[in-house]
Amino acid sequence: MTNQDQISTRTISSLPNELLVAIVAAGQDCGTDFPPRAFKSEWILSQVSQRFRDVILGAPALWTLIQTDLYDLRAVETLMLYLERSAAHKISITLRSGSQYPEGPLRGCLTQILPHVERLWTLAITMSGRAIDALAPFRDVQAPHLQHLKVVITNYRNNNESIEIFSAGAPTLSSLRIDGLKLQLPPPPSWMASLTHLEVLERRALDYNNLLAAMTVQCPLLVHLHLDILWEFEEASHFHIPSLKFLQISVPDTEDEFFLEAIVDLFDTPALEEFIIYGTHGDQIFTLFNLTSLPHSSFPALTSFSFISKTSCSCEKDIPFSNSISAPPLALFPALSSLTLVNQCFTHNLVKDLFGPSSQPWPRLETVTLCPKKDIFDAVWDAVKDAVHSKSQRREPFPRLRFFRTLASLEAWQGNEPDVEMFL
């Protein structure tokens, strides 16, 4: 062994226990929920030496992040070890199954969790629909410290199945995501009263009136809402959610130009700051932006509005288009500073009317993000160049422009760098 190796060995071996624990904890911070952490610092470093093992096993807080992929036949054994080593600490558990995995490990893991339900801080489960019965033991239990719950069902087609969970109470639950099945709402008072973050991604038939009515009454603290459900308009209600700051919804791909207006008017959310809508068409945006008010809703605090089309459409070939926008929608969205149009038909018409030579000033708008459909890319780019030239000639400000040629996914505009970014 060289002198350098001896120095390195002595240095590692002489680390104070507190520093060693801090190093392991820092390694855990690099992990993510899905997929489970490939590098589990507490597991790996506890194998380095007997001293490391004694120190790490003697620190229960290092064994509270329990992440198990159920393809591993040792999943139940691993879970039991973590439950034992975490002692009385609050725990965060992530379980992932799938249609190709047997139900046995999932049921075994959930059975092991039940005696520790009072320690649950986070519970995230991804599984195939045929394993939904495995959640039945959680229906009537109480989770007094649970703050985050995520249940994702994949490859499931039974429209009649619903989930009822922790009906005995989860008084600190702040974040809930239900994906792929119906949410059976508990009767008030319930854990919904503490929710600040709710995602319901059903994508099948759902009585949304009951869901939204319950949220209006039972979720006074709701700040973040994401809905991907099938919308019905028979006897539609309107919903007042005064605390809401973020709203993302998906709407059916319909060519009714008044549909978007009707959907937006469902939500009376005076504190809303960001609104994202998937499934829109360009002519619907024209109709909305030409309004000066809505019958039931107002958006005085809205600063960011995003419209994303989920599919390619033939609107520009099939619909004679004569709409125009005479002025920016300042009366409807007085604080709007960011506008995003992704994969929208008639984007070049929108750019021309909102920013072209005949457009009116939009002083508060700071950022425009565009990702045009491929078949109108050149038309949109020409409209942008004309708008920029016109604003420059008149010495008027033009918003910061973020221009994408293509996107890997419809969500990529939120984090990726644009192909063109323009400041004037």
Protein backbone atom coordinates (compact mmCIF):
# COMPACT_ATOMS: atom_id res chain seq x y z
CA MET A 1 0.00 0.00 0.00
CA THR A 2 1.39 3.39 -0.98
CA ASN A 3 1.67 6.30 1.43
CA GLN A 4 -1.16 8.02 -0.44
CA ASP A 5 -3.40 4.96 0.00
CA GLN A 6 -2.56 4.81 3.70
CA ILE A 7 -3.40 8.51 4.10
CA SER A 8 -6.71 8.03 2.24
CA THR A 9 -7.59 4.99 4.36
CA ARG A 10 -6.75 6.78 7.60
CA THR A 11 -8.74 9.81 6.49
CA ILE A 12 -11.88 7.80 5.70
CA SER A 13 -11.57 5.65 8.81
CA SER A 14 -11.10 8.66 11.05
CA LEU A 15 -14.26 10.47 9.95
CA PRO A 16 -16.38 11.49 12.94
CA ASN A 17 -19.65 9.60 13.20
CA GLU A 18 -21.67 12.77 12.66
CA LEU A 19 -19.85 13.56 9.41
CA LEU A 20 -20.28 10.00 8.14
CA VAL A 21 -24.01 10.19 8.81
CA ALA A 22 -24.16 13.56 7.03
CA ILE A 23 -22.40 12.09 3.96
CA VAL A 24 -24.93 9.25 3.77
CA ALA A 25 -27.82 11.70 4.15
CA ALA A 26 -26.41 13.89 1.37
CA GLY A 27 -26.37 10.86 -0.93
CA GLN A 28 -30.05 10.29 -0.20
CA ASP A 29 -30.90 13.83 -1.24
CA CYS A 30 -29.84 12.95 -4.80
CA GLY A 31 -32.54 10.28 -5.05
CA THR A 32 -35.92 10.52 -6.78
CA ASP A 33 -39.23 8.78 -6.24
CA PHE A 34 -39.57 7.21 -9.68
CA PRO A 35 -37.69 5.12 -10.49
CA PRO A 36 -36.44 4.08 -7.05
CA ARG A 37 -32.94 5.26 -6.24
CA ALA A 38 -30.30 3.27 -8.10
CA PHE A 39 -27.69 4.29 -5.50
CA LYS A 40 -28.87 3.84 -1.93
CA SER A 41 -26.10 5.41 0.07
CA GLU A 42 -27.24 3.98 3.40
CA TRP A 43 -27.22 0.45 1.95
CA ILE A 44 -23.95 0.68 0.01
CA LEU A 45 -21.87 2.49 2.63
CA SER A 46 -23.04 0.21 5.43
CA GLN A 47 -21.12 -2.58 3.62
CA VAL A 48 -17.78 -0.73 3.57
CA SER A 49 -16.57 -1.73 7.02
CA GLN A 50 -17.87 -2.89 10.37
CA ARG A 51 -17.48 0.63 11.78
CA PHE A 52 -19.44 2.14 8.91
CA ARG A 53 -22.11 -0.51 9.41
CA ASP A 54 -22.39 0.16 13.13
CA VAL A 55 -22.65 3.92 12.62
CA ILE A 56 -25.19 3.76 9.78
CA LEU A 57 -27.38 1.10 11.37
CA GLY A 58 -27.27 3.14 14.56
CA ALA A 59 -28.80 6.17 12.78
CA PRO A 60 -32.51 5.33 12.25
CA ALA A 61 -33.14 8.55 10.32
CA LEU A 62 -31.03 7.15 7.46
CA TRP A 63 -33.52 4.30 6.93
CA THR A 64 -36.69 6.33 6.46
CA LEU A 65 -36.64 6.59 2.63
CA ILE A 66 -38.04 3.22 1.59
CA GLN A 67 -38.13 2.68 -2.17
CA THR A 68 -38.84 -0.75 -3.59
CA ASP A 69 -39.32 -1.94 -7.15
CA LEU A 70 -41.49 -5.03 -6.90
CA TYR A 71 -39.81 -6.95 -9.70
CA ASP A 72 -37.27 -7.79 -6.98
CA LEU A 73 -38.40 -10.97 -5.21
CA ARG A 74 -36.64 -9.68 -2.09
CA ALA A 75 -38.90 -6.62 -1.96
CA VAL A 76 -40.78 -7.70 1.16
CA GLU A 77 -37.57 -8.62 2.97
CA THR A 78 -35.98 -5.28 2.06
CA LEU A 79 -39.04 -3.38 3.21
CA MET A 80 -39.05 -5.20 6.55
CA LEU A 81 -35.40 -4.30 7.11
CA TYR A 82 -36.06 -0.61 6.49
CA LEU A 83 -39.16 -0.61 8.71
CA GLU A 84 -37.14 -2.17 11.52
CA ARG A 85 -34.07 0.05 11.13
CA SER A 86 -36.06 3.30 10.90
CA ALA A 87 -37.28 2.66 14.47
CA ALA A 88 -39.89 5.27 15.48
CA HIS A 89 -39.05 7.84 12.78
CA LYS A 90 -41.60 9.00 10.22
CA ILE A 91 -41.16 7.12 6.94
CA SER A 92 -41.58 7.78 3.21
CA ILE A 93 -42.45 4.70 1.15
CA THR A 94 -42.41 4.29 -2.64
CA LEU A 95 -43.61 1.01 -4.14
CA ARG A 96 -43.71 0.26 -7.85
CA SER A 97 -45.37 -2.72 -9.48
CA GLY A 98 -46.66 -3.44 -12.98
CA SER A 99 -48.75 -5.81 -15.08
CA GLN A 100 -45.78 -8.13 -15.56
CA TYR A 101 -45.10 -8.43 -11.85
CA PRO A 102 -46.89 -10.86 -9.51
CA GLU A 103 -49.31 -9.45 -6.95
CA GLY A 104 -47.68 -11.37 -4.11
CA PRO A 105 -44.81 -8.93 -3.38
CA LEU A 106 -47.17 -5.93 -3.51
CA ARG A 107 -49.65 -7.49 -1.10
CA GLY A 108 -46.79 -8.60 1.12
CA CYS A 109 -45.32 -5.09 1.23
CA LEU A 110 -48.65 -3.43 1.98
CA THR A 111 -49.31 -5.96 4.74
CA GLN A 112 -45.96 -5.07 6.32
CA ILE A 113 -46.73 -1.35 6.13
CA LEU A 114 -50.07 -1.51 7.95
CA PRO A 115 -48.63 -1.83 11.50
CA HIS A 116 -46.50 1.26 10.77
CA VAL A 117 -49.23 3.40 9.23
CA GLU A 118 -48.99 5.92 12.07
CA ARG A 119 -45.41 6.67 10.99
CA LEU A 120 -46.25 7.26 7.32
CA TRP A 121 -45.10 10.64 5.99
CA THR A 122 -45.23 9.83 2.27
CA LEU A 123 -46.82 6.89 0.45
CA ALA A 124 -46.42 6.54 -3.34
CA ILE A 125 -47.68 3.43 -5.13
CA THR A 126 -47.60 2.63 -8.84
CA MET A 127 -49.26 -0.65 -9.79
CA SER A 128 -51.33 -2.40 -12.44
CA GLY A 129 -55.11 -2.17 -12.18
CA ARG A 130 -55.59 -5.82 -11.42
CA ALA A 131 -53.78 -5.27 -8.12
CA ILE A 132 -56.13 -2.55 -6.89
CA ASP A 133 -57.67 -4.87 -4.27
CA ALA A 134 -54.32 -4.84 -2.52
CA LEU A 135 -55.19 -1.35 -1.23
CA ALA A 136 -58.34 -2.55 0.54
CA PRO A 137 -56.66 -2.85 3.99
CA PHE A 138 -55.94 0.90 3.91
CA ARG A 139 -59.59 1.86 3.46
CA ASP A 140 -60.59 2.24 7.10
CA VAL A 141 -57.28 3.06 8.79
CA GLN A 142 -56.03 6.39 10.08
CA ALA A 143 -52.74 7.98 9.02
CA PRO A 144 -52.19 10.84 11.48
CA HIS A 145 -48.88 12.07 10.01
CA LEU A 146 -49.37 11.34 6.29
CA GLN A 147 -48.64 14.43 4.19
CA HIS A 148 -48.18 13.08 0.64
CA LEU A 149 -50.20 10.31 -1.04
CA LYS A 150 -49.79 9.17 -4.64
CA VAL A 151 -51.64 6.23 -6.20
CA VAL A 152 -51.06 5.50 -9.90
CA ILE A 153 -52.93 2.67 -11.63
CA THR A 154 -51.60 1.56 -15.03
CA ASN A 155 -53.21 -0.55 -17.77
CA TYR A 156 -56.65 -0.53 -16.20
CA ARG A 157 -59.99 -0.35 -18.00
CA ASN A 158 -62.68 -0.94 -15.38
CA ASN A 159 -64.55 2.37 -15.33
CA ASN A 160 -66.57 1.38 -12.27
CA GLU A 161 -63.70 0.89 -9.83
CA SER A 162 -63.01 3.58 -7.27
CA ILE A 163 -60.61 3.98 -4.40
CA GLU A 164 -61.43 4.80 -0.80
CA ILE A 165 -58.43 5.13 1.43
CA PHE A 166 -57.68 6.38 4.95
CA SER A 167 -61.37 7.08 5.55
CA ALA A 168 -60.69 7.04 9.30
CA GLY A 169 -58.62 10.18 8.87
CA ALA A 170 -55.45 11.73 7.47
CA PRO A 171 -55.56 15.16 9.12
CA THR A 172 -52.20 16.42 7.84
CA LEU A 173 -52.53 15.27 4.21
CA SER A 174 -51.47 18.18 2.00
CA SER A 175 -50.70 16.53 -1.37
CA LEU A 176 -52.81 13.92 -3.17
CA ARG A 177 -52.39 12.44 -6.66
CA ILE A 178 -54.88 9.87 -7.95
CA ASP A 179 -54.03 8.65 -11.45
CA GLY A 180 -56.02 6.10 -13.44
CA LEU A 181 -58.99 5.41 -11.17
CA LYS A 182 -61.90 7.16 -9.56
CA LEU A 183 -61.49 8.94 -6.27
CA GLN A 184 -64.23 8.09 -3.80
CA LEU A 185 -64.55 11.21 -1.70
CA PRO A 186 -64.80 10.80 2.05
CA PRO A 187 -67.75 12.49 3.79
CA PRO A 188 -66.98 15.78 5.53
CA PRO A 189 -65.21 16.48 7.76
CA SER A 190 -62.39 14.65 6.01
CA TRP A 191 -58.72 14.79 5.09
CA MET A 192 -59.65 16.98 2.11
CA ALA A 193 -59.74 19.97 4.46
CA SER A 194 -55.93 20.01 4.71
CA LEU A 195 -55.19 19.55 0.99
CA THR A 196 -53.12 22.21 -0.74
CA HIS A 197 -52.12 20.12 -3.79
CA LEU A 198 -54.57 17.88 -5.67
CA GLU A 199 -54.15 15.95 -8.93
CA VAL A 200 -57.01 13.85 -10.31
CA LEU A 201 -55.99 12.19 -13.58
CA GLU A 202 -58.95 10.00 -14.39
CA ARG A 203 -59.25 10.30 -18.21
CA ARG A 204 -62.49 8.33 -18.10
CA ALA A 205 -66.08 8.98 -17.12
CA LEU A 206 -66.33 10.94 -13.88
CA ASP A 207 -69.05 12.99 -12.26
CA TYR A 208 -66.88 16.10 -12.15
CA ASN A 209 -69.69 18.21 -10.67
CA ASN A 210 -69.54 16.17 -7.46
CA LEU A 211 -65.75 16.37 -7.36
CA LEU A 212 -65.55 20.11 -7.93
CA ALA A 213 -68.45 20.83 -5.61
CA ALA A 214 -66.71 18.83 -2.88
CA MET A 215 -63.45 20.72 -3.48
CA THR A 216 -65.27 24.03 -3.23
CA VAL A 217 -66.72 23.10 0.15
CA GLN A 218 -64.04 20.86 1.64
CA CYS A 219 -60.72 22.26 0.36
CA PRO A 220 -60.37 25.79 1.75
CA LEU A 221 -56.56 25.65 1.49
CA LEU A 222 -56.23 24.31 -2.07
CA VAL A 223 -53.42 26.06 -3.97
CA HIS A 224 -52.50 23.62 -6.78
CA LEU A 225 -55.10 21.73 -8.85
CA HIS A 226 -54.48 19.44 -11.84
CA LEU A 227 -57.52 17.83 -13.50
CA ASP A 228 -57.44 15.41 -16.42
CA ILE A 229 -61.04 14.21 -16.55
CA LEU A 230 -63.92 13.95 -19.00
CA TRP A 231 -66.00 17.10 -18.84
CA GLU A 232 -69.79 17.10 -18.97
CA PHE A 233 -71.91 20.23 -19.27
CA GLU A 234 -75.37 19.02 -18.31
CA GLU A 235 -76.49 21.26 -15.43
CA ALA A 236 -72.94 22.45 -14.98
CA SER A 237 -72.13 24.34 -11.83
CA HIS A 238 -69.56 27.05 -11.27
CA PHE A 239 -66.91 26.67 -8.65
CA HIS A 240 -65.44 29.27 -6.33
CA ILE A 241 -61.95 28.28 -5.10
CA PRO A 242 -60.53 31.50 -3.62
CA SER A 243 -57.17 30.07 -2.49
CA LEU A 244 -56.17 28.48 -5.83
CA LYS A 245 -52.96 29.78 -7.45
CA PHE A 246 -52.18 27.05 -10.04
CA LEU A 247 -54.67 25.27 -12.31
CA GLN A 248 -53.94 22.73 -15.04
CA ILE A 249 -56.76 21.03 -16.92
CA SER A 250 -57.20 18.88 -20.02
CA VAL A 251 -60.30 19.42 -22.13
CA PRO A 252 -61.81 17.27 -24.91
CA ASP A 253 -60.56 17.87 -28.41
CA THR A 254 -63.67 19.60 -29.73
CA GLU A 255 -63.89 22.18 -32.50
CA ASP A 256 -66.72 24.08 -30.80
CA GLU A 257 -65.28 27.60 -30.70
CA PHE A 258 -67.24 28.46 -27.53
CA PHE A 259 -66.14 25.39 -25.55
CA LEU A 260 -62.99 26.98 -24.12
CA GLU A 261 -64.94 30.01 -22.96
CA ALA A 262 -67.41 27.74 -21.15
CA ILE A 263 -64.64 25.74 -19.45
CA VAL A 264 -62.77 28.84 -18.28
CA ASP A 265 -65.99 30.29 -16.90
CA LEU A 266 -66.43 27.25 -14.63
CA PHE A 267 -63.67 28.46 -12.33
CA ASP A 268 -64.03 31.50 -10.14
CA THR A 269 -60.47 31.68 -8.85
CA PRO A 270 -59.59 35.29 -8.02
CA ALA A 271 -56.11 34.40 -6.68
CA LEU A 272 -55.12 32.22 -9.66
CA GLU A 273 -51.64 33.04 -11.01
CA GLU A 274 -50.96 30.25 -13.54
CA PHE A 275 -53.46 28.53 -15.85
CA ILE A 276 -52.50 25.69 -18.24
CA ILE A 277 -55.06 24.16 -20.60
CA TYR A 278 -54.42 21.09 -22.77
CA GLY A 279 -56.72 20.36 -25.72
CA THR A 280 -57.41 23.85 -27.05
CA HIS A 281 -57.77 25.15 -30.61
CA GLY A 282 -56.68 28.51 -31.95
CA ASP A 283 -60.16 29.70 -32.91
CA GLN A 284 -61.30 29.04 -29.33
CA ILE A 285 -58.53 31.34 -28.08
CA PHE A 286 -59.74 34.06 -30.46
CA THR A 287 -63.26 33.73 -29.02
CA LEU A 288 -61.97 33.89 -25.44
CA PHE A 289 -59.63 36.83 -26.02
CA ASN A 290 -62.39 38.87 -27.65
CA LEU A 291 -64.45 38.83 -24.46
CA THR A 292 -64.40 41.76 -22.07
CA SER A 293 -65.81 39.75 -19.17
CA LEU A 294 -67.08 36.31 -18.16
CA PRO A 295 -70.48 35.69 -16.54
CA HIS A 296 -69.14 33.89 -13.46
CA SER A 297 -65.35 34.15 -13.36
CA SER A 298 -62.62 36.74 -13.11
CA PHE A 299 -58.84 36.44 -13.14
CA PRO A 300 -57.36 39.63 -11.69
CA ALA A 301 -54.15 37.92 -10.50
CA LEU A 302 -53.45 35.66 -13.50
CA THR A 303 -49.88 36.21 -14.76
CA SER A 304 -49.29 33.09 -16.91
CA PHE A 305 -51.67 31.48 -19.42
CA SER A 306 -50.67 28.46 -21.55
CA PHE A 307 -52.64 26.80 -24.35
CA ILE A 308 -51.46 23.40 -25.59
CA SER A 309 -53.04 21.29 -28.33
CA LYS A 310 -52.63 17.58 -27.63
CA THR A 311 -53.02 16.43 -31.23
CA SER A 312 -52.52 17.70 -34.75
CA CYS A 313 -55.72 19.00 -36.30
CA SER A 314 -56.86 20.03 -39.76
CA CYS A 315 -58.70 23.16 -38.64
CA GLU A 316 -56.78 25.45 -40.97
CA LYS A 317 -57.82 23.35 -43.95
CA ASP A 318 -61.39 22.63 -42.85
CA ILE A 319 -62.56 25.87 -41.20
CA PRO A 320 -62.92 29.18 -43.08
CA PHE A 321 -61.23 31.60 -40.71
CA SER A 322 -62.21 35.22 -40.46
CA ASN A 323 -61.82 35.89 -36.72
CA SER A 324 -59.69 38.74 -35.47
CA ILE A 325 -58.68 40.23 -32.15
CA SER A 326 -59.05 43.98 -32.01
CA ALA A 327 -57.15 44.45 -28.74
CA PRO A 328 -55.30 42.42 -26.10
CA PRO A 329 -57.57 40.83 -23.45
CA LEU A 330 -56.62 43.37 -20.80
CA ALA A 331 -60.10 43.54 -19.29
CA LEU A 332 -60.22 39.77 -18.86
CA PHE A 333 -56.62 39.20 -17.77
CA PRO A 334 -55.25 42.54 -16.56
CA ALA A 335 -52.09 41.12 -14.92
CA LEU A 336 -51.08 38.65 -17.66
CA SER A 337 -47.32 38.74 -18.27
CA SER A 338 -46.66 35.36 -19.93
CA LEU A 339 -48.48 33.73 -22.87
CA THR A 340 -47.67 30.26 -24.25
CA LEU A 341 -49.01 28.68 -27.46
CA VAL A 342 -47.95 25.09 -28.18
CA ASN A 343 -49.05 23.15 -31.27
CA GLN A 344 -51.99 25.52 -31.79
CA CYS A 345 -53.80 25.96 -35.06
CA PHE A 346 -54.03 29.56 -36.30
CA THR A 347 -50.97 30.57 -34.27
CA HIS A 348 -49.79 32.86 -37.08
CA ASN A 349 -53.17 34.64 -36.99
CA LEU A 350 -52.89 35.08 -33.23
CA VAL A 351 -49.35 36.49 -33.53
CA LYS A 352 -50.46 38.90 -36.26
CA ASP A 353 -53.48 40.19 -34.32
CA LEU A 354 -51.77 40.41 -30.92
CA PHE A 355 -48.36 41.74 -31.99
CA GLY A 356 -48.51 42.70 -35.67
CA PRO A 357 -48.52 46.15 -37.35
CA SER A 358 -52.17 46.84 -36.46
CA SER A 359 -52.02 45.52 -32.89
CA GLN A 360 -52.67 47.54 -29.76
CA PRO A 361 -50.04 47.80 -26.98
CA TRP A 362 -49.93 45.07 -24.36
CA PRO A 363 -47.71 46.76 -21.78
CA ARG A 364 -47.70 44.09 -19.05
CA LEU A 365 -46.92 41.14 -21.31
CA GLU A 366 -43.25 40.20 -20.78
CA THR A 367 -42.81 36.72 -22.30
CA VAL A 368 -44.30 34.89 -25.29
CA THR A 369 -43.49 31.19 -25.81
CA LEU A 370 -44.30 29.64 -29.19
CA CYS A 371 -43.98 26.10 -30.52
CA PRO A 372 -45.93 26.00 -33.80
CA LYS A 373 -47.33 23.01 -35.62
CA LYS A 374 -44.92 21.79 -38.29
CA ASP A 375 -47.24 22.61 -41.17
CA ILE A 376 -47.54 26.28 -40.18
CA PHE A 377 -44.04 26.81 -38.83
CA ASP A 378 -42.95 29.09 -41.68
CA ALA A 379 -46.15 31.13 -41.49
CA VAL A 380 -45.70 31.64 -37.75
CA TRP A 381 -42.04 32.60 -38.14
CA ASP A 382 -42.94 35.12 -40.85
CA ALA A 383 -45.64 36.60 -38.60
CA VAL A 384 -43.13 36.90 -35.76
CA LYS A 385 -40.59 38.68 -37.98
CA ASP A 386 -43.24 41.10 -39.22
CA ALA A 387 -44.37 41.80 -35.66
CA VAL A 388 -40.82 42.40 -34.43
CA HIS A 389 -40.07 44.70 -37.37
CA SER A 390 -43.29 46.65 -36.81
CA LYS A 391 -42.63 47.14 -33.10
CA SER A 392 -39.06 48.23 -33.80
CA GLN A 393 -40.21 50.76 -36.39
CA ARG A 394 -42.70 52.24 -33.94
CA ARG A 395 -40.20 52.04 -31.05
CA GLU A 396 -42.66 49.97 -29.05
CA PRO A 397 -41.54 47.23 -26.67
CA PHE A 398 -41.84 43.60 -27.78
CA PRO A 399 -42.09 40.79 -25.23
CA ARG A 400 -39.22 38.39 -24.70
CA LEU A 401 -39.79 35.67 -27.30
CA ARG A 402 -39.08 31.97 -26.67
CA PHE A 403 -39.42 30.06 -29.94
CA PHE A 404 -39.26 26.25 -30.21
CA ARG A 405 -38.96 24.45 -33.53
CA THR A 406 -39.76 21.01 -32.11
CA LEU A 407 -40.40 19.51 -28.69
CA ALA A 408 -39.61 16.04 -27.35
CA SER A 409 -42.94 16.16 -25.52
CA LEU A 410 -45.77 18.65 -25.05
CA GLU A 411 -44.45 19.44 -21.56
CA ALA A 412 -40.88 20.17 -22.72
CA TRP A 413 -41.50 23.89 -23.21
CA GLN A 414 -41.54 24.34 -19.45
CA GLY A 415 -37.95 23.34 -18.76
CA ASN A 416 -36.03 23.24 -22.04
CA GLU A 417 -34.04 25.98 -23.68
CA PRO A 418 -35.78 27.40 -26.77
CA ASP A 419 -34.27 27.19 -30.25
CA VAL A 420 -34.57 30.97 -30.56
CA GLU A 421 -34.75 33.49 -27.75
CA MET A 422 -35.24 37.12 -28.64
CA PHE A 423 -35.07 40.29 -26.55
CA LEU A 424 -35.90 43.76 -27.84
